[in-house]
Amino acid sequence: MDGNGRWAGKRALKRFLGHQQGAESVQFVVETASRINLPFITLYAFSLENNLRRPKSEVNFLMKLLRSYLVGNVQRMNDNNVRMTYIGRIHELPSEVQETMQWATESTAKNTGTTLTLALNYGSRSEIVDAARAVITDLIAEAHQRGCSLEDMLQVDGIEARLDEHHITDALYTRQMPDPDLVIRTSGEKRISNFLLWQMAYSELFITDRLWPDFRGIHLLEAILDYQHRERRFGGLGESFTDEDLDTLQPAAEVAEEIVAKLTPKQLAPR
C-alpha cells in the first residue's frame, strides 16, 4: 500500500488526504477479491517503522483513520462475506484502536469468504524474533513441567526434533494462513520493506508504478492474470523441463570459460 504521500504531493495536497484516498482503495480491492473468491488478501497498512519514525501527528491521524475505516466498512464486509484479521504487535497500539479492531473481528468472524488481514504495527524481523521467543518459552515451560533442565531435555529429544522450520512457522503471526502466492508492490518500489520475509520465500512478485490511492480492483485482476502466466518452480526445474532438456544443456566448463573470457579485460591495441 505504497504511495499515499506521493499521490497527495503530486496534487499539492496534504499527506492525510493521500491516506484517506488510500483507505478508499482498500475497499475497492477487497470487494474485488471477494467477488473472485480469493481466499486470503493481506495488506501492509502500517509498519513498525512507520510507528517509530513518522511524525506523531501523522501516526495519530492514521490511527483515527483506521478506526473510522473499520467502523464505516464492517457492514460492507459482512455484505461481501469478508472476515477481518490482523497481524503485528497489536498490543502496542492505542487501547481504543485495539477495542475497535476487536469489535470488527468479532463482527465479521462468522463470514466464510475472503479473509482480509491488515498488517498493523508490523515488521517481519520482529515477527521472526517473536516466534523464536515463543518457541523457546514453550520449550522452557515443557522442561520445567518434566522436571528437568532445557539442556537435558534437548539432549534427550534432540534439538533437530524440537526446533525446525515447522516450529518457527507455527509460531508466526500468520500461522492460520498459507504463505502468499503473489506479492504486489505499488508505486514502483523494488524492495521487500520488511514484509513477510519468512513467508514469501517462494512468492511471485508483481511491481507496478501505480500509486496505492489509484489502485483499483481491475489492477488486482491484472496482477493475478500476470501471475497465472508464470511457471512456479519452488527451487526445481518446472513442469515443462524434461530429461531431454538436460542433455542439450551446454557443459558447465564451457560456460565458465565463456564467462571468464568476457570478464577478462582486453589488452589495448598499440597505436
Protein backbone atom coordinates (compact mmCIF):
# COMPACT_ATOMS: atom_id res chain seq x y z
CA MET A 1 0.00 0.00 0.00
CA ASP A 2 2.75 2.42 -1.03
CA GLY A 3 2.43 5.90 -2.46
CA ASN A 4 -0.19 7.73 -0.40
CA GLY A 5 2.13 10.63 0.38
CA ARG A 6 3.42 10.89 -3.17
CA TRP A 7 -0.13 10.78 -4.53
CA ALA A 8 -1.01 13.78 -2.38
CA GLY A 9 2.24 15.58 -3.17
CA LYS A 10 1.67 15.33 -6.93
CA ARG A 11 -1.66 17.10 -6.39
CA ALA A 12 -0.30 19.70 -3.97
CA LEU A 13 -2.47 18.18 -1.24
CA LYS A 14 -1.67 17.41 2.37
CA ARG A 15 -0.45 13.90 3.15
CA PHE A 16 -3.51 12.99 5.20
CA LEU A 17 -5.68 13.33 2.08
CA GLY A 18 -3.48 10.73 0.38
CA HIS A 19 -4.05 8.38 3.31
CA GLN A 20 -7.81 8.94 3.09
CA GLN A 21 -7.80 8.12 -0.62
CA GLY A 22 -5.67 5.06 0.12
CA ALA A 23 -8.32 3.84 2.56
CA GLU A 24 -10.88 4.05 -0.26
CA SER A 25 -8.65 1.84 -2.42
CA VAL A 26 -8.68 -0.82 0.29
CA GLN A 27 -12.41 -1.37 -0.04
CA PHE A 28 -12.36 -1.44 -3.86
CA VAL A 29 -9.63 -4.08 -3.82
CA VAL A 30 -11.20 -6.14 -1.04
CA GLU A 31 -14.60 -6.22 -2.75
CA THR A 32 -12.96 -7.41 -5.97
CA ALA A 33 -11.09 -10.10 -4.05
CA SER A 34 -14.39 -11.22 -2.55
CA ARG A 35 -16.13 -11.39 -5.94
CA ILE A 36 -13.47 -13.71 -7.40
CA ASN A 37 -13.41 -15.84 -4.22
CA LEU A 38 -9.82 -15.01 -3.33
CA PRO A 39 -9.32 -16.89 -0.04
CA PHE A 40 -6.79 -14.53 1.55
CA ILE A 41 -5.58 -10.98 1.00
CA THR A 42 -3.08 -9.27 3.30
CA LEU A 43 -2.50 -5.52 3.21
CA TYR A 44 0.61 -3.90 4.70
CA ALA A 45 -1.22 -0.96 6.23
CA PHE A 46 1.10 0.30 8.98
CA SER A 47 4.63 -0.87 9.65
CA LEU A 48 6.56 -0.97 12.88
CA GLU A 49 8.95 1.52 11.29
CA ASN A 50 6.04 3.84 10.46
CA ASN A 51 5.10 3.86 14.13
CA LEU A 52 8.65 4.66 15.23
CA ARG A 53 9.78 7.10 12.54
CA ARG A 54 6.75 9.02 11.28
CA PRO A 55 5.71 12.29 12.94
CA LYS A 56 3.42 11.67 15.90
CA SER A 57 0.71 13.80 14.33
CA GLU A 58 0.69 11.58 11.24
CA VAL A 59 0.63 8.39 13.33
CA ASN A 60 -2.30 9.74 15.37
CA PHE A 61 -4.17 10.56 12.17
CA LEU A 62 -3.54 7.07 10.79
CA MET A 63 -4.93 5.52 13.98
CA LYS A 64 -8.07 7.67 13.70
CA LEU A 65 -8.37 6.75 10.03
CA LEU A 66 -8.09 3.05 10.90
CA ARG A 67 -10.88 3.28 13.44
CA SER A 68 -13.03 5.25 11.02
CA TYR A 69 -12.40 2.72 8.25
CA LEU A 70 -13.36 -0.22 10.44
CA VAL A 71 -16.49 1.39 11.83
CA GLY A 72 -17.59 2.57 8.39
CA ASN A 73 -16.91 -0.65 6.49
CA VAL A 74 -17.80 -3.58 8.74
CA GLN A 75 -21.29 -3.72 7.24
CA ARG A 76 -19.84 -3.78 3.72
CA MET A 77 -17.51 -6.58 4.80
CA ASN A 78 -20.46 -8.57 6.07
CA ASP A 79 -22.36 -7.89 2.85
CA ASN A 80 -19.36 -9.26 0.91
CA ASN A 81 -18.77 -12.20 3.30
CA VAL A 82 -15.32 -10.85 4.27
CA ARG A 83 -13.64 -11.83 7.54
CA MET A 84 -11.26 -9.41 9.27
CA THR A 85 -8.00 -10.37 10.99
CA TYR A 86 -4.71 -8.64 11.89
CA ILE A 87 -1.01 -9.38 12.23
CA GLY A 88 1.64 -7.33 14.01
CA ARG A 89 2.43 -6.13 17.51
CA ILE A 90 -1.18 -5.17 18.03
CA HIS A 91 -0.75 -4.85 21.80
CA GLU A 92 1.40 -1.74 21.27
CA LEU A 93 -1.39 0.20 19.52
CA PRO A 94 -3.64 2.60 21.47
CA SER A 95 -6.24 0.80 23.57
CA GLU A 96 -9.19 2.46 21.83
CA VAL A 97 -7.82 1.30 18.47
CA GLN A 98 -7.42 -2.25 19.79
CA GLU A 99 -11.01 -2.22 21.02
CA THR A 100 -12.33 -1.18 17.60
CA MET A 101 -10.18 -3.81 15.91
CA GLN A 102 -11.52 -6.50 18.23
CA TRP A 103 -15.08 -5.35 17.55
CA ALA A 104 -14.52 -5.59 13.79
CA THR A 105 -13.02 -9.07 14.15
CA GLU A 106 -15.94 -10.30 16.21
CA SER A 107 -18.47 -8.67 13.89
CA THR A 108 -17.09 -10.49 10.84
CA ALA A 109 -15.98 -13.75 12.49
CA LYS A 110 -18.83 -15.84 11.03
CA ASN A 111 -18.10 -14.83 7.43
CA THR A 112 -16.71 -17.60 5.24
CA GLY A 113 -15.40 -15.75 2.19
CA THR A 114 -12.21 -13.75 1.74
CA THR A 115 -10.07 -13.26 4.84
CA LEU A 116 -8.75 -9.69 4.92
CA THR A 117 -5.65 -9.40 7.09
CA LEU A 118 -4.32 -5.95 7.95
CA ALA A 119 -0.65 -5.84 8.90
CA LEU A 120 -0.56 -3.17 11.62
CA ASN A 121 2.48 -2.14 13.62
CA TYR A 122 4.05 -4.99 11.70
CA GLY A 123 7.67 -5.81 10.92
CA SER A 124 8.78 -9.19 9.63
CA ARG A 125 12.04 -9.25 11.56
CA SER A 126 10.12 -8.54 14.75
CA GLU A 127 7.67 -11.30 13.85
CA ILE A 128 10.51 -13.82 13.50
CA VAL A 129 12.01 -12.67 16.80
CA ASP A 130 8.61 -13.02 18.50
CA ALA A 131 8.23 -16.50 17.01
CA ALA A 132 11.66 -17.59 18.25
CA ARG A 133 10.87 -16.25 21.72
CA ALA A 134 7.57 -18.14 21.75
CA VAL A 135 9.25 -21.42 20.76
CA ILE A 136 11.92 -21.02 23.44
CA THR A 137 9.36 -20.07 26.08
CA ASP A 138 7.30 -23.18 25.28
CA LEU A 139 10.41 -25.39 25.48
CA ILE A 140 11.40 -23.94 28.85
CA ALA A 141 7.86 -24.46 30.18
CA GLU A 142 7.85 -28.06 28.97
CA ALA A 143 11.25 -28.75 30.53
CA HIS A 144 10.01 -27.32 33.84
CA GLN A 145 6.90 -29.49 33.65
CA ARG A 146 9.05 -32.58 33.04
CA GLY A 147 11.27 -31.67 35.99
CA CYS A 148 14.49 -31.27 34.04
CA SER A 149 16.63 -28.54 32.57
CA LEU A 150 16.14 -27.31 29.00
CA GLU A 151 19.63 -28.54 28.13
CA ASP A 152 18.89 -32.06 29.41
CA MET A 153 15.58 -32.21 27.56
CA LEU A 154 17.17 -31.18 24.28
CA GLN A 155 19.93 -33.74 24.75
CA VAL A 156 17.34 -36.48 25.17
CA ASP A 157 14.93 -35.39 22.44
CA GLY A 158 17.47 -33.92 20.05
CA ILE A 159 17.41 -30.24 19.15
CA GLU A 160 16.62 -31.03 15.50
CA ALA A 161 13.37 -32.68 16.56
CA ARG A 162 12.35 -29.77 18.76
CA LEU A 163 13.33 -26.81 16.59
CA ASP A 164 12.95 -26.77 12.82
CA GLU A 165 11.19 -24.69 10.14
CA HIS A 166 7.79 -26.06 11.10
CA HIS A 167 8.16 -24.94 14.72
CA ILE A 168 9.03 -21.39 13.60
CA THR A 169 6.20 -21.33 11.02
CA ASP A 170 3.69 -22.47 13.63
CA ALA A 171 4.75 -19.61 15.93
CA LEU A 172 4.46 -16.80 13.36
CA TYR A 173 1.58 -14.32 13.33
CA THR A 174 0.45 -15.91 10.04
CA ARG A 175 0.21 -19.49 11.32
CA GLN A 176 -3.51 -19.61 10.47
CA MET A 177 -3.00 -18.76 6.78
CA PRO A 178 -0.96 -20.12 3.85
CA ASP A 179 2.17 -18.44 2.53
CA PRO A 180 1.37 -15.80 -0.12
CA ASP A 181 1.41 -16.87 -3.76
CA LEU A 182 1.66 -13.32 -5.08
CA VAL A 183 3.07 -10.12 -3.57
CA ILE A 184 2.03 -6.86 -5.25
CA ARG A 185 4.24 -3.81 -4.75
CA THR A 186 2.74 -0.45 -5.71
CA SER A 187 4.43 2.87 -6.55
CA GLY A 188 7.30 1.18 -8.38
CA GLU A 189 9.26 0.29 -5.26
CA LYS A 190 11.65 -2.65 -5.78
CA ARG A 191 12.27 -3.69 -2.20
CA ILE A 192 10.61 -6.01 0.31
CA SER A 193 10.39 -3.43 3.14
CA ASN A 194 10.44 -5.96 6.00
CA PHE A 195 7.21 -7.63 4.89
CA LEU A 196 6.57 -11.38 5.34
CA LEU A 197 10.26 -12.21 4.87
CA TRP A 198 9.83 -15.80 6.06
CA GLN A 199 6.52 -16.44 4.30
CA MET A 200 7.36 -15.03 0.85
CA ALA A 201 10.40 -17.23 0.22
CA TYR A 202 8.80 -18.56 -2.98
CA SER A 203 6.18 -15.89 -3.63
CA GLU A 204 5.89 -14.31 -7.06
CA LEU A 205 6.44 -10.54 -7.18
CA PHE A 206 4.41 -8.06 -9.21
CA ILE A 207 5.65 -4.46 -9.26
CA THR A 208 3.54 -1.62 -10.61
CA ASP A 209 4.29 2.09 -10.85
CA ARG A 210 0.70 2.85 -9.91
CA LEU A 211 0.39 4.61 -6.54
CA TRP A 212 -1.82 2.88 -3.99
CA PRO A 213 -4.59 5.56 -3.96
CA ASP A 214 -5.02 4.92 -7.71
CA PHE A 215 -5.02 1.12 -7.33
CA ARG A 216 -8.40 -0.48 -8.01
CA GLY A 217 -9.94 -3.91 -8.35
CA ILE A 218 -9.14 -4.04 -12.07
CA HIS A 219 -5.45 -3.62 -11.26
CA LEU A 220 -5.63 -6.53 -8.81
CA LEU A 221 -7.07 -8.64 -11.63
CA GLU A 222 -4.24 -7.54 -13.95
CA ALA A 223 -1.67 -8.66 -11.38
CA ILE A 224 -3.40 -12.02 -10.92
CA LEU A 225 -3.56 -12.52 -14.71
CA ASP A 226 0.18 -11.86 -14.94
CA TYR A 227 0.76 -14.36 -12.13
CA GLN A 228 -1.32 -17.03 -13.88
CA HIS A 229 1.06 -16.94 -16.86
CA ARG A 230 4.10 -17.74 -14.73
CA GLU A 231 5.57 -21.16 -14.01
CA ARG A 232 6.40 -21.63 -10.33
CA ARG A 233 9.38 -23.91 -9.68
CA PHE A 234 9.94 -23.78 -5.89
CA GLY A 235 13.65 -24.47 -6.45
CA GLY A 236 13.02 -27.19 -9.05
CA LEU A 237 13.16 -27.14 -12.85
CA GLY A 238 9.47 -26.70 -13.57
CA GLU A 239 6.93 -28.97 -15.23
CA SER A 240 7.99 -28.01 -18.77
CA PHE A 241 11.62 -29.05 -18.19
CA THR A 242 12.41 -32.67 -19.20
CA ASP A 243 15.40 -35.03 -19.15
CA GLU A 244 15.86 -34.28 -22.87
CA ASP A 245 16.44 -30.64 -21.98
CA LEU A 246 19.24 -31.70 -19.62
CA ASP A 247 21.01 -33.47 -22.49
CA THR A 248 21.07 -30.27 -24.56
CA LEU A 249 22.50 -28.04 -21.83
CA GLN A 250 25.91 -26.52 -22.53
CA PRO A 251 28.61 -28.12 -20.32
CA ALA A 252 29.35 -26.09 -17.21
CA ALA A 253 33.09 -25.91 -18.01
CA GLU A 254 32.38 -24.27 -21.38
CA VAL A 255 30.02 -21.76 -19.76
CA ALA A 256 32.68 -20.91 -17.16
CA GLU A 257 35.30 -20.34 -19.88
CA GLU A 258 32.96 -18.00 -21.76
CA ILE A 259 32.24 -16.01 -18.61
CA VAL A 260 35.95 -15.67 -17.79
CA ALA A 261 36.68 -14.57 -21.35
CA LYS A 262 34.01 -11.88 -21.19
CA LEU A 263 35.17 -10.59 -17.82
CA THR A 264 38.89 -10.54 -18.65
CA PRO A 265 39.98 -7.01 -19.68
CA LYS A 266 41.09 -6.85 -23.30
CA GLN A 267 44.62 -5.57 -24.00
CA LEU A 268 44.77 -2.19 -25.67
CA ALA A 269 45.99 -2.36 -29.25
CA PRO A 270 49.22 -0.35 -29.83
CA ARG A 271 48.76 2.92 -31.61
